[in-house]
């Protein structure tokens, strides 16, 4: 079964500030409710990078990965696949767009 949703949110933070949060793969745990176990290769988000996580739930520790498929810092977007247990793969295209007031529209498509 395929489920397609497109959540979006706005923030008053400028796009460059939001981009710094999104590209800092070693800090993904701060907004994923999981601990980053490793980032290979280390550094900012880049094509081919794999971020490994561990999270506690239902009395056990679950592991999952985020595979960075492509990144365009100039246009502020990242393509990734979050790979969860039980064969659940979540394909995401994260984009940042500046709003009229200088804030940021963040889309997860």
PDB file of N, CA and C in Angstrom:
ATOM      1  N   UNK A   1       0.842  -1.173   0.000  1.00  0.00           N
ATOM      2  CA  UNK A   1       0.000   0.000   0.000  1.00  0.00           C
ATOM      3  C   UNK A   1       0.889   1.239   0.000  1.00  0.00           C
ATOM      4  N   UNK A   2       0.562   2.206  -0.799  1.00  0.00           N
ATOM      5  CA  UNK A   2       1.289   3.464  -0.864  1.00  0.00           C
ATOM      6  C   UNK A   2       0.412   4.558  -0.268  1.00  0.00           C
ATOM      7  N   UNK A   3       1.002   5.329   0.651  1.00  0.00           N
ATOM      8  CA  UNK A   3       0.313   6.467   1.251  1.00  0.00           C
ATOM      9  C   UNK A   3       1.118   7.705   0.899  1.00  0.00           C
ATOM     10  N   UNK A   4       0.475   8.739   0.394  1.00  0.00           N
ATOM     11  CA  UNK A   4       1.154   9.947  -0.020  1.00  0.00           C
ATOM     12  C   UNK A   4       0.554  11.135   0.725  1.00  0.00           C
ATOM     13  N   UNK A   5       1.369  11.804   1.532  1.00  0.00           N
ATOM     14  CA  UNK A   5       0.946  13.012   2.229  1.00  0.00           C
ATOM     15  C   UNK A   5       2.013  14.071   2.026  1.00  0.00           C
ATOM     16  N   UNK A   6       1.630  15.314   2.113  1.00  0.00           N
ATOM     17  CA  UNK A   6       2.570  16.411   1.876  1.00  0.00           C
ATOM     18  C   UNK A   6       2.476  17.443   2.995  1.00  0.00           C
ATOM     19  N   UNK A   7       3.029  17.137   4.169  1.00  0.00           N
ATOM     20  CA  UNK A   7       2.968  18.120   5.254  1.00  0.00           C
ATOM     21  C   UNK A   7       3.850  19.328   4.952  1.00  0.00           C
ATOM     22  N   UNK A   8       3.444  20.465   5.475  1.00  0.00           N
ATOM     23  CA  UNK A   8       4.193  21.705   5.301  1.00  0.00           C
ATOM     24  C   UNK A   8       4.003  22.565   6.538  1.00  0.00           C
ATOM     25  N   UNK A   9       4.982  23.429   6.786  1.00  0.00           N
ATOM     26  CA  UNK A   9       4.895  24.361   7.910  1.00  0.00           C
ATOM     27  C   UNK A   9       5.713  25.597   7.570  1.00  0.00           C
ATOM     28  N   UNK A  10       5.382  26.699   8.218  1.00  0.00           N
ATOM     29  CA  UNK A  10       6.171  27.916   8.041  1.00  0.00           C
ATOM     30  C   UNK A  10       6.826  28.279   9.356  1.00  0.00           C
ATOM     31  N   UNK A  11       7.938  28.982   9.242  1.00  0.00           N
ATOM     32  CA  UNK A  11       8.657  29.476  10.398  1.00  0.00           C
ATOM     33  C   UNK A  11       9.132  30.889  10.096  1.00  0.00           C
ATOM     34  N   UNK A  12       9.356  31.670  11.124  1.00  0.00           N
ATOM     35  CA  UNK A  12       9.876  33.020  10.931  1.00  0.00           C
ATOM     36  C   UNK A  12      11.374  33.013  10.666  1.00  0.00           C
ATOM     37  N   UNK A  13      12.021  31.871  10.903  1.00  0.00           N
ATOM     38  CA  UNK A  13      13.462  31.763  10.661  1.00  0.00           C
ATOM     39  C   UNK A  13      13.751  31.860   9.169  1.00  0.00           C
ATOM     40  N   UNK A  14      14.830  32.543   8.795  1.00  0.00           N
ATOM     41  CA  UNK A  14      15.170  32.648   7.376  1.00  0.00           C
ATOM     42  C   UNK A  14      15.620  31.302   6.809  1.00  0.00           C
ATOM     43  N   UNK A  15      15.465  31.108   5.495  1.00  0.00           N
ATOM     44  CA  UNK A  15      15.812  29.823   4.884  1.00  0.00           C
ATOM     45  C   UNK A  15      17.238  29.348   5.167  1.00  0.00           C
ATOM     46  N   UNK A  16      18.201  30.255   5.189  1.00  0.00           N
ATOM     47  CA  UNK A  16      19.584  29.833   5.445  1.00  0.00           C
ATOM     48  C   UNK A  16      19.746  29.228   6.834  1.00  0.00           C
ATOM     49  N   UNK A  17      19.021  29.768   7.806  1.00  0.00           N
ATOM     50  CA  UNK A  17      19.086  29.213   9.163  1.00  0.00           C
ATOM     51  C   UNK A  17      18.458  27.828   9.226  1.00  0.00           C
ATOM     52  N   UNK A  18      17.329  27.653   8.550  1.00  0.00           N
ATOM     53  CA  UNK A  18      16.661  26.348   8.529  1.00  0.00           C
ATOM     54  C   UNK A  18      17.536  25.344   7.779  1.00  0.00           C
ATOM     55  N   UNK A  19      18.161  25.770   6.692  1.00  0.00           N
ATOM     56  CA  UNK A  19      19.026  24.873   5.921  1.00  0.00           C
ATOM     57  C   UNK A  19      20.162  24.343   6.784  1.00  0.00           C
ATOM     58  N   UNK A  20      20.748  25.186   7.629  1.00  0.00           N
ATOM     59  CA  UNK A  20      21.843  24.743   8.508  1.00  0.00           C
ATOM     60  C   UNK A  20      21.391  23.602   9.415  1.00  0.00           C
ATOM     61  N   UNK A  21      20.134  23.624   9.842  1.00  0.00           N
ATOM     62  CA  UNK A  21      19.594  22.543  10.672  1.00  0.00           C
ATOM     63  C   UNK A  21      19.419  21.277   9.834  1.00  0.00           C
ATOM     64  N   UNK A  22      18.875  21.419   8.621  1.00  0.00           N
ATOM     65  CA  UNK A  22      18.607  20.248   7.786  1.00  0.00           C
ATOM     66  C   UNK A  22      19.864  19.570   7.279  1.00  0.00           C
ATOM     67  N   UNK A  23      20.919  20.314   7.012  1.00  0.00           N
ATOM     68  CA  UNK A  23      22.120  19.695   6.468  1.00  0.00           C
ATOM     69  C   UNK A  23      23.034  19.104   7.544  1.00  0.00           C
ATOM     70  N   UNK A  24      22.786  19.394   8.799  1.00  0.00           N
ATOM     71  CA  UNK A  24      23.633  18.902   9.896  1.00  0.00           C
ATOM     72  C   UNK A  24      23.195  17.485  10.291  1.00  0.00           C
ATOM     73  N   UNK A  25      23.621  16.499   9.502  1.00  0.00           N
ATOM     74  CA  UNK A  25      23.167  15.120   9.705  1.00  0.00           C
ATOM     75  C   UNK A  25      23.523  14.573  11.088  1.00  0.00           C
ATOM     76  N   UNK A  26      24.617  15.021  11.671  1.00  0.00           N
ATOM     77  CA  UNK A  26      24.994  14.549  13.001  1.00  0.00           C
ATOM     78  C   UNK A  26      24.043  15.046  14.085  1.00  0.00           C
ATOM     79  N   UNK A  27      23.182  16.000  13.737  1.00  0.00           N
ATOM     80  CA  UNK A  27      22.213  16.538  14.694  1.00  0.00           C
ATOM     81  C   UNK A  27      20.777  16.124  14.367  1.00  0.00           C
ATOM     82  N   UNK A  28      20.591  15.197  13.416  1.00  0.00           N
ATOM     83  CA  UNK A  28      19.247  14.740  13.058  1.00  0.00           C
ATOM     84  C   UNK A  28      18.470  14.232  14.274  1.00  0.00           C
ATOM     85  N   UNK A  29      19.156  13.665  15.243  1.00  0.00           N
ATOM     86  CA  UNK A  29      18.498  13.140  16.429  1.00  0.00           C
ATOM     87  C   UNK A  29      17.730  14.195  17.213  1.00  0.00           C
ATOM     88  N   UNK A  30      18.105  15.452  17.062  1.00  0.00           N
ATOM     89  CA  UNK A  30      17.433  16.530  17.771  1.00  0.00           C
ATOM     90  C   UNK A  30      16.012  16.761  17.274  1.00  0.00           C
ATOM     91  N   UNK A  31      15.705  16.327  16.056  1.00  0.00           N
ATOM     92  CA  UNK A  31      14.349  16.536  15.534  1.00  0.00           C
ATOM     93  C   UNK A  31      13.697  15.254  15.053  1.00  0.00           C
ATOM     94  N   UNK A  32      14.296  14.103  15.357  1.00  0.00           N
ATOM     95  CA  UNK A  32      13.694  12.834  14.961  1.00  0.00           C
ATOM     96  C   UNK A  32      13.251  11.983  16.136  1.00  0.00           C
ATOM     97  N   UNK A  33      13.523  12.411  17.366  1.00  0.00           N
ATOM     98  CA  UNK A  33      13.176  11.629  18.560  1.00  0.00           C
ATOM     99  C   UNK A  33      13.891  10.282  18.566  1.00  0.00           C
ATOM    100  N   UNK A  34      15.128  10.282  18.059  1.00  0.00           N
ATOM    101  CA  UNK A  34      15.969   9.089  18.043  1.00  0.00           C
ATOM    102  C   UNK A  34      17.417   9.546  18.190  1.00  0.00           C
ATOM    103  N   UNK A  35      18.291   8.622  18.569  1.00  0.00           N
ATOM    104  CA  UNK A  35      19.712   8.942  18.715  1.00  0.00           C
ATOM    105  C   UNK A  35      20.454   8.595  17.431  1.00  0.00           C
ATOM    106  N   UNK A  36      21.290   9.508  16.964  1.00  0.00           N
ATOM    107  CA  UNK A  36      22.145   9.221  15.814  1.00  0.00           C
ATOM    108  C   UNK A  36      23.259   8.302  16.287  1.00  0.00           C
ATOM    109  N   UNK A  37      23.391   7.160  15.636  1.00  0.00           N
ATOM    110  CA  UNK A  37      24.430   6.180  15.968  1.00  0.00           C
ATOM    111  C   UNK A  37      25.681   6.437  15.132  1.00  0.00           C
ATOM    112  N   UNK A  38      25.484   6.723  13.840  1.00  0.00           N
ATOM    113  CA  UNK A  38      26.629   7.003  12.970  1.00  0.00           C
ATOM    114  C   UNK A  38      26.168   7.768  11.739  1.00  0.00           C
ATOM    115  N   UNK A  39      27.121   8.461  11.130  1.00  0.00           N
ATOM    116  CA  UNK A  39      26.906   9.160   9.868  1.00  0.00           C
ATOM    117  C   UNK A  39      28.079   8.792   8.971  1.00  0.00           C
ATOM    118  N   UNK A  40      27.770   8.146   7.837  1.00  0.00           N
ATOM    119  CA  UNK A  40      28.832   7.690   6.935  1.00  0.00           C
ATOM    120  C   UNK A  40      28.551   8.144   5.516  1.00  0.00           C
ATOM    121  N   UNK A  41      29.429   8.891   4.876  1.00  0.00           N
ATOM    122  CA  UNK A  41      30.586   9.543   5.468  1.00  0.00           C
ATOM    123  C   UNK A  41      30.150  10.719   6.337  1.00  0.00           C
ATOM    124  N   UNK A  42      30.992  11.111   7.297  1.00  0.00           N
ATOM    125  CA  UNK A  42      30.625  12.225   8.172  1.00  0.00           C
ATOM    126  C   UNK A  42      30.551  13.542   7.403  1.00  0.00           C
ATOM    127  N   UNK A  43      29.898  14.517   8.018  1.00  0.00           N
ATOM    128  CA  UNK A  43      29.812  15.845   7.427  1.00  0.00           C
ATOM    129  C   UNK A  43      28.396  16.227   7.102  1.00  0.00           C
ATOM    130  N   UNK A  44      28.240  17.391   6.449  1.00  0.00           N
ATOM    131  CA  UNK A  44      26.904  17.860   6.081  1.00  0.00           C
ATOM    132  C   UNK A  44      26.237  16.894   5.108  1.00  0.00           C
ATOM    133  N   UNK A  45      24.922  17.020   4.987  1.00  0.00           N
ATOM    134  CA  UNK A  45      24.148  16.154   4.092  1.00  0.00           C
ATOM    135  C   UNK A  45      24.772  16.133   2.704  1.00  0.00           C
ATOM    136  N   UNK A  46      24.952  14.911   2.182  1.00  0.00           N
ATOM    137  CA  UNK A  46      25.556  14.729   0.870  1.00  0.00           C
ATOM    138  C   UNK A  46      25.042  13.457   0.228  1.00  0.00           C
ATOM    139  N   UNK A  47      25.034  13.449  -1.078  1.00  0.00           N
ATOM    140  CA  UNK A  47      24.563  12.281  -1.825  1.00  0.00           C
ATOM    141  C   UNK A  47      25.337  11.034  -1.394  1.00  0.00           C
ATOM    142  N   UNK A  48      24.584   9.946  -1.147  1.00  0.00           N
ATOM    143  CA  UNK A  48      25.185   8.678  -0.771  1.00  0.00           C
ATOM    144  C   UNK A  48      25.418   8.499   0.721  1.00  0.00           C
ATOM    145  N   UNK A  49      25.146   9.494   1.499  1.00  0.00           N
ATOM    146  CA  UNK A  49      25.366   9.432   2.940  1.00  0.00           C
ATOM    147  C   UNK A  49      24.304   8.570   3.612  1.00  0.00           C
ATOM    148  N   UNK A  50      24.704   7.830   4.651  1.00  0.00           N
ATOM    149  CA  UNK A  50      23.775   7.004   5.416  1.00  0.00           C
ATOM    150  C   UNK A  50      23.863   7.430   6.882  1.00  0.00           C
ATOM    151  N   UNK A  51      22.707   7.761   7.449  1.00  0.00           N
ATOM    152  CA  UNK A  51      22.618   8.142   8.860  1.00  0.00           C
ATOM    153  C   UNK A  51      21.900   7.006   9.574  1.00  0.00           C
ATOM    154  N   UNK A  52      22.557   6.426  10.596  1.00  0.00           N
ATOM    155  CA  UNK A  52      21.981   5.312  11.351  1.00  0.00           C
ATOM    156  C   UNK A  52      21.474   5.824  12.694  1.00  0.00           C
ATOM    157  N   UNK A  53      20.291   5.315  13.089  1.00  0.00           N
ATOM    158  CA  UNK A  53      19.616   5.756  14.307  1.00  0.00           C
ATOM    159  C   UNK A  53      19.253   4.580  15.190  1.00  0.00           C
ATOM    160  N   UNK A  54      18.999   4.879  16.467  1.00  0.00           N
ATOM    161  CA  UNK A  54      18.410   3.929  17.404  1.00  0.00           C
ATOM    162  C   UNK A  54      17.376   4.694  18.225  1.00  0.00           C
ATOM    163  N   UNK A  55      16.232   4.042  18.446  1.00  0.00           N
ATOM    164  CA  UNK A  55      15.151   4.670  19.224  1.00  0.00           C
ATOM    165  C   UNK A  55      14.491   3.610  20.097  1.00  0.00           C
ATOM    166  N   UNK A  56      14.079   4.007  21.265  1.00  0.00           N
ATOM    167  CA  UNK A  56      13.420   3.096  22.193  1.00  0.00           C
ATOM    168  C   UNK A  56      11.915   3.203  22.030  1.00  0.00           C
ATOM    169  N   UNK A  57      11.249   2.049  22.003  1.00  0.00           N
ATOM    170  CA  UNK A  57       9.792   2.010  21.915  1.00  0.00           C
ATOM    171  C   UNK A  57       9.277   0.606  22.122  1.00  0.00           C
ATOM    172  N   UNK A  58       8.147   0.486  22.771  1.00  0.00           N
ATOM    173  CA  UNK A  58       7.524  -0.816  23.026  1.00  0.00           C
ATOM    174  C   UNK A  58       8.475  -1.782  23.722  1.00  0.00           C
ATOM    175  N   UNK A  59       9.294  -1.228  24.616  1.00  0.00           N
ATOM    176  CA  UNK A  59      10.173  -2.068  25.429  1.00  0.00           C
ATOM    177  C   UNK A  59      11.413  -2.586  24.723  1.00  0.00           C
ATOM    178  N   UNK A  60      11.752  -2.052  23.568  1.00  0.00           N
ATOM    179  CA  UNK A  60      12.962  -2.503  22.881  1.00  0.00           C
ATOM    180  C   UNK A  60      13.616  -1.333  22.158  1.00  0.00           C
ATOM    181  N   UNK A  61      14.788  -1.575  21.621  1.00  0.00           N
ATOM    182  CA  UNK A  61      15.483  -0.565  20.844  1.00  0.00           C
ATOM    183  C   UNK A  61      15.321  -0.904  19.363  1.00  0.00           C
ATOM    184  N   UNK A  62      14.849   0.066  18.602  1.00  0.00           N
ATOM    185  CA  UNK A  62      14.634  -0.087  17.168  1.00  0.00           C
ATOM    186  C   UNK A  62      15.722   0.669  16.423  1.00  0.00           C
ATOM    187  N   UNK A  63      16.169   0.116  15.314  1.00  0.00           N
ATOM    188  CA  UNK A  63      17.150   0.805  14.486  1.00  0.00           C
ATOM    189  C   UNK A  63      16.526   1.128  13.130  1.00  0.00           C
ATOM    190  N   UNK A  64      16.978   2.225  12.561  1.00  0.00           N
ATOM    191  CA  UNK A  64      16.544   2.608  11.216  1.00  0.00           C
ATOM    192  C   UNK A  64      17.613   3.492  10.601  1.00  0.00           C
ATOM    193  N   UNK A  65      17.512   3.729   9.307  1.00  0.00           N
ATOM    194  CA  UNK A  65      18.478   4.565   8.607  1.00  0.00           C
ATOM    195  C   UNK A  65      17.775   5.632   7.789  1.00  0.00           C
ATOM    196  N   UNK A  66      18.510   6.678   7.514  1.00  0.00           N
ATOM    197  CA  UNK A  66      18.109   7.659   6.515  1.00  0.00           C
ATOM    198  C   UNK A  66      19.218   7.662   5.472  1.00  0.00           C
ATOM    199  N   UNK A  67      18.838   7.372   4.233  1.00  0.00           N
ATOM    200  CA  UNK A  67      19.767   7.394   3.110  1.00  0.00           C
ATOM    201  C   UNK A  67      19.569   8.707   2.363  1.00  0.00           C
ATOM    202  N   UNK A  68      20.623   9.502   2.259  1.00  0.00           N
ATOM    203  CA  UNK A  68      20.555  10.755   1.516  1.00  0.00           C
ATOM    204  C   UNK A  68      20.763  10.415   0.044  1.00  0.00           C
ATOM    205  N   UNK A  69      19.742  10.639  -0.747  1.00  0.00           N
ATOM    206  CA  UNK A  69      19.812  10.292  -2.178  1.00  0.00           C
ATOM    207  C   UNK A  69      20.370  11.423  -3.022  1.00  0.00           C
ATOM    208  N   UNK A  70      20.036  12.664  -2.684  1.00  0.00           N
ATOM    209  CA  UNK A  70      20.543  13.805  -3.434  1.00  0.00           C
ATOM    210  C   UNK A  70      20.350  15.062  -2.599  1.00  0.00           C
ATOM    211  N   UNK A  71      21.162  16.070  -2.864  1.00  0.00           N
ATOM    212  CA  UNK A  71      21.127  17.325  -2.115  1.00  0.00           C
ATOM    213  C   UNK A  71      21.439  18.469  -3.073  1.00  0.00           C
ATOM    214  N   UNK A  72      20.724  19.578  -2.928  1.00  0.00           N
ATOM    215  CA  UNK A  72      21.032  20.783  -3.691  1.00  0.00           C
ATOM    216  C   UNK A  72      21.025  21.962  -2.713  1.00  0.00           C
ATOM    217  N   UNK A  73      22.188  22.279  -2.120  1.00  0.00           N
ATOM    218  CA  UNK A  73      22.239  23.377  -1.150  1.00  0.00           C
ATOM    219  C   UNK A  73      21.849  24.726  -1.753  1.00  0.00           C
ATOM    220  N   UNK A  74      22.188  24.954  -3.033  1.00  0.00           N
ATOM    221  CA  UNK A  74      21.884  26.239  -3.669  1.00  0.00           C
ATOM    222  C   UNK A  74      20.374  26.473  -3.735  1.00  0.00           C
ATOM    223  N   UNK A  75      19.620  25.419  -4.032  1.00  0.00           N
ATOM    224  CA  UNK A  75      18.157  25.535  -4.112  1.00  0.00           C
ATOM    225  C   UNK A  75      17.461  25.033  -2.848  1.00  0.00           C
ATOM    226  N   UNK A  76      18.250  24.616  -1.881  1.00  0.00           N
ATOM    227  CA  UNK A  76      17.784  24.194  -0.549  1.00  0.00           C
ATOM    228  C   UNK A  76      16.748  23.072  -0.605  1.00  0.00           C
ATOM    229  N   UNK A  77      17.177  21.903  -1.136  1.00  0.00           N
ATOM    230  CA  UNK A  77      16.325  20.717  -1.077  1.00  0.00           C
ATOM    231  C   UNK A  77      17.189  19.476  -0.838  1.00  0.00           C
ATOM    232  N   UNK A  78      16.557  18.476  -0.224  1.00  0.00           N
ATOM    233  CA  UNK A  78      17.200  17.188   0.057  1.00  0.00           C
ATOM    234  C   UNK A  78      16.220  16.079  -0.309  1.00  0.00           C
ATOM    235  N   UNK A  79      16.701  15.077  -1.028  1.00  0.00           N
ATOM    236  CA  UNK A  79      15.942  13.850  -1.277  1.00  0.00           C
ATOM    237  C   UNK A  79      16.508  12.773  -0.364  1.00  0.00           C
ATOM    238  N   UNK A  80      15.633  12.082   0.356  1.00  0.00           N
ATOM    239  CA  UNK A  80      16.102  11.045   1.265  1.00  0.00           C
ATOM    240  C   UNK A  80      15.095   9.906   1.341  1.00  0.00           C
ATOM    241  N   UNK A  81      15.569   8.782   1.872  1.00  0.00           N
ATOM    242  CA  UNK A  81      14.698   7.647   2.152  1.00  0.00           C
ATOM    243  C   UNK A  81      14.943   7.249   3.604  1.00  0.00           C
ATOM    244  N   UNK A  82      13.890   7.288   4.411  1.00  0.00           N
ATOM    245  CA  UNK A  82      13.961   6.784   5.786  1.00  0.00           C
ATOM    246  C   UNK A  82      13.535   5.319   5.744  1.00  0.00           C
ATOM    247  N   UNK A  83      14.415   4.438   6.177  1.00  0.00           N
ATOM    248  CA  UNK A  83      14.161   2.995   6.109  1.00  0.00           C
ATOM    249  C   UNK A  83      13.926   2.468   7.528  1.00  0.00           C
ATOM    250  N   UNK A  84      12.672   2.075   7.775  1.00  0.00           N
ATOM    251  CA  UNK A  84      12.232   1.629   9.090  1.00  0.00           C
ATOM    252  C   UNK A  84      12.083   0.111   9.133  1.00  0.00           C
ATOM    253  N   UNK A  85      11.927  -0.451  10.340  1.00  0.00           N
ATOM    254  CA  UNK A  85      11.684  -1.895  10.452  1.00  0.00           C
ATOM    255  C   UNK A  85      10.435  -2.312   9.671  1.00  0.00           C
ATOM    256  N   UNK A  86      10.342  -3.592   9.419  1.00  0.00           N
ATOM    257  CA  UNK A  86       9.201  -4.215   8.736  1.00  0.00           C
ATOM    258  C   UNK A  86       9.069  -3.777   7.280  1.00  0.00           C
ATOM    259  N   UNK A  87      10.174  -3.321   6.675  1.00  0.00           N
ATOM    260  CA  UNK A  87      10.154  -2.975   5.259  1.00  0.00           C
ATOM    261  C   UNK A  87       9.467  -1.669   4.920  1.00  0.00           C
ATOM    262  N   UNK A  88       9.319  -0.788   5.893  1.00  0.00           N
ATOM    263  CA  UNK A  88       8.664   0.504   5.648  1.00  0.00           C
ATOM    264  C   UNK A  88       9.718   1.508   5.185  1.00  0.00           C
ATOM    265  N   UNK A  89       9.568   1.997   3.962  1.00  0.00           N
ATOM    266  CA  UNK A  89      10.459   3.005   3.403  1.00  0.00           C
ATOM    267  C   UNK A  89       9.668   4.281   3.165  1.00  0.00           C
ATOM    268  N   UNK A  90      10.182   5.390   3.686  1.00  0.00           N
ATOM    269  CA  UNK A  90       9.522   6.685   3.562  1.00  0.00           C
ATOM    270  C   UNK A  90      10.389   7.581   2.678  1.00  0.00           C
ATOM    271  N   UNK A  91       9.951   7.828   1.449  1.00  0.00           N
ATOM    272  CA  UNK A  91      10.666   8.680   0.512  1.00  0.00           C
ATOM    273  C   UNK A  91      10.250  10.127   0.747  1.00  0.00           C
ATOM    274  N   UNK A  92      11.239  11.002   0.919  1.00  0.00           N
ATOM    275  CA  UNK A  92      10.959  12.411   1.205  1.00  0.00           C
ATOM    276  C   UNK A  92      11.749  13.319   0.279  1.00  0.00           C
ATOM    277  N   UNK A  93      11.106  14.395  -0.118  1.00  0.00           N
ATOM    278  CA  UNK A  93      11.760  15.489  -0.840  1.00  0.00           C
ATOM    279  C   UNK A  93      11.508  16.722   0.014  1.00  0.00           C
ATOM    280  N   UNK A  94      12.514  17.154   0.781  1.00  0.00           N
ATOM    281  CA  UNK A  94      12.387  18.309   1.664  1.00  0.00           C
ATOM    282  C   UNK A  94      12.811  19.550   0.907  1.00  0.00           C
ATOM    283  N   UNK A  95      11.948  20.557   0.919  1.00  0.00           N
ATOM    284  CA  UNK A  95      12.271  21.814   0.240  1.00  0.00           C
ATOM    285  C   UNK A  95      12.048  22.989   1.173  1.00  0.00           C
ATOM    286  N   UNK A  96      12.856  24.012   0.985  1.00  0.00           N
ATOM    287  CA  UNK A  96      12.722  25.258   1.739  1.00  0.00           C
ATOM    288  C   UNK A  96      12.462  26.385   0.740  1.00  0.00           C
ATOM    289  N   UNK A  97      11.444  27.187   1.015  1.00  0.00           N
ATOM    290  CA  UNK A  97      11.102  28.318   0.163  1.00  0.00           C
ATOM    291  C   UNK A  97      10.952  29.556   1.045  1.00  0.00           C
ATOM    292  N   UNK A  98      11.583  30.638   0.642  1.00  0.00           N
ATOM    293  CA  UNK A  98      11.470  31.873   1.419  1.00  0.00           C
ATOM    294  C   UNK A  98      10.066  32.449   1.279  1.00  0.00           C
ATOM    295  N   UNK A  99       9.493  32.877   2.393  1.00  0.00           N
ATOM    296  CA  UNK A  99       8.178  33.509   2.389  1.00  0.00           C
ATOM    297  C   UNK A  99       8.327  35.019   2.166  1.00  0.00           C
ATOM    298  N   UNK A 100       7.213  35.676   1.913  1.00  0.00           N
ATOM    299  CA  UNK A 100       7.244  37.122   1.653  1.00  0.00           C
ATOM    300  C   UNK A 100       7.833  37.920   2.805  1.00  0.00           C
ATOM    301  N   UNK A 101       7.642  37.435   4.035  1.00  0.00           N
ATOM    302  CA  UNK A 101       8.153  38.157   5.203  1.00  0.00           C
ATOM    303  C   UNK A 101       9.556  37.725   5.606  1.00  0.00           C
ATOM    304  N   UNK A 102      10.238  36.938   4.762  1.00  0.00           N
ATOM    305  CA  UNK A 102      11.608  36.523   5.051  1.00  0.00           C
ATOM    306  C   UNK A 102      11.731  35.244   5.838  1.00  0.00           C
ATOM    307  N   UNK A 103      10.594  34.625   6.166  1.00  0.00           N
ATOM    308  CA  UNK A 103      10.604  33.338   6.861  1.00  0.00           C
ATOM    309  C   UNK A 103      10.795  32.197   5.874  1.00  0.00           C
ATOM    310  N   UNK A 104      10.412  30.989   6.293  1.00  0.00           N
ATOM    311  CA  UNK A 104      10.637  29.817   5.468  1.00  0.00           C
ATOM    312  C   UNK A 104       9.397  28.915   5.457  1.00  0.00           C
ATOM    313  N   UNK A 105       9.031  28.482   4.255  1.00  0.00           N
ATOM    314  CA  UNK A 105       8.034  27.435   4.093  1.00  0.00           C
ATOM    315  C   UNK A 105       8.810  26.128   3.927  1.00  0.00           C
ATOM    316  N   UNK A 106       8.560  25.173   4.829  1.00  0.00           N
ATOM    317  CA  UNK A 106       9.230  23.874   4.801  1.00  0.00           C
ATOM    318  C   UNK A 106       8.220  22.850   4.312  1.00  0.00           C
ATOM    319  N   UNK A 107       8.577  22.126   3.246  1.00  0.00           N
ATOM    320  CA  UNK A 107       7.681  21.100   2.706  1.00  0.00           C
ATOM    321  C   UNK A 107       8.359  19.736   2.749  1.00  0.00           C
ATOM    322  N   UNK A 108       7.577  18.733   3.143  1.00  0.00           N
ATOM    323  CA  UNK A 108       8.005  17.340   3.111  1.00  0.00           C
ATOM    324  C   UNK A 108       7.099  16.635   2.101  1.00  0.00           C
ATOM    325  N   UNK A 109       7.577  16.433   0.890  1.00  0.00           N
ATOM    326  CA  UNK A 109       6.762  15.812  -0.146  1.00  0.00           C
ATOM    327  C   UNK A 109       7.210  14.391  -0.413  1.00  0.00           C
TER     328      UNK A 109
END
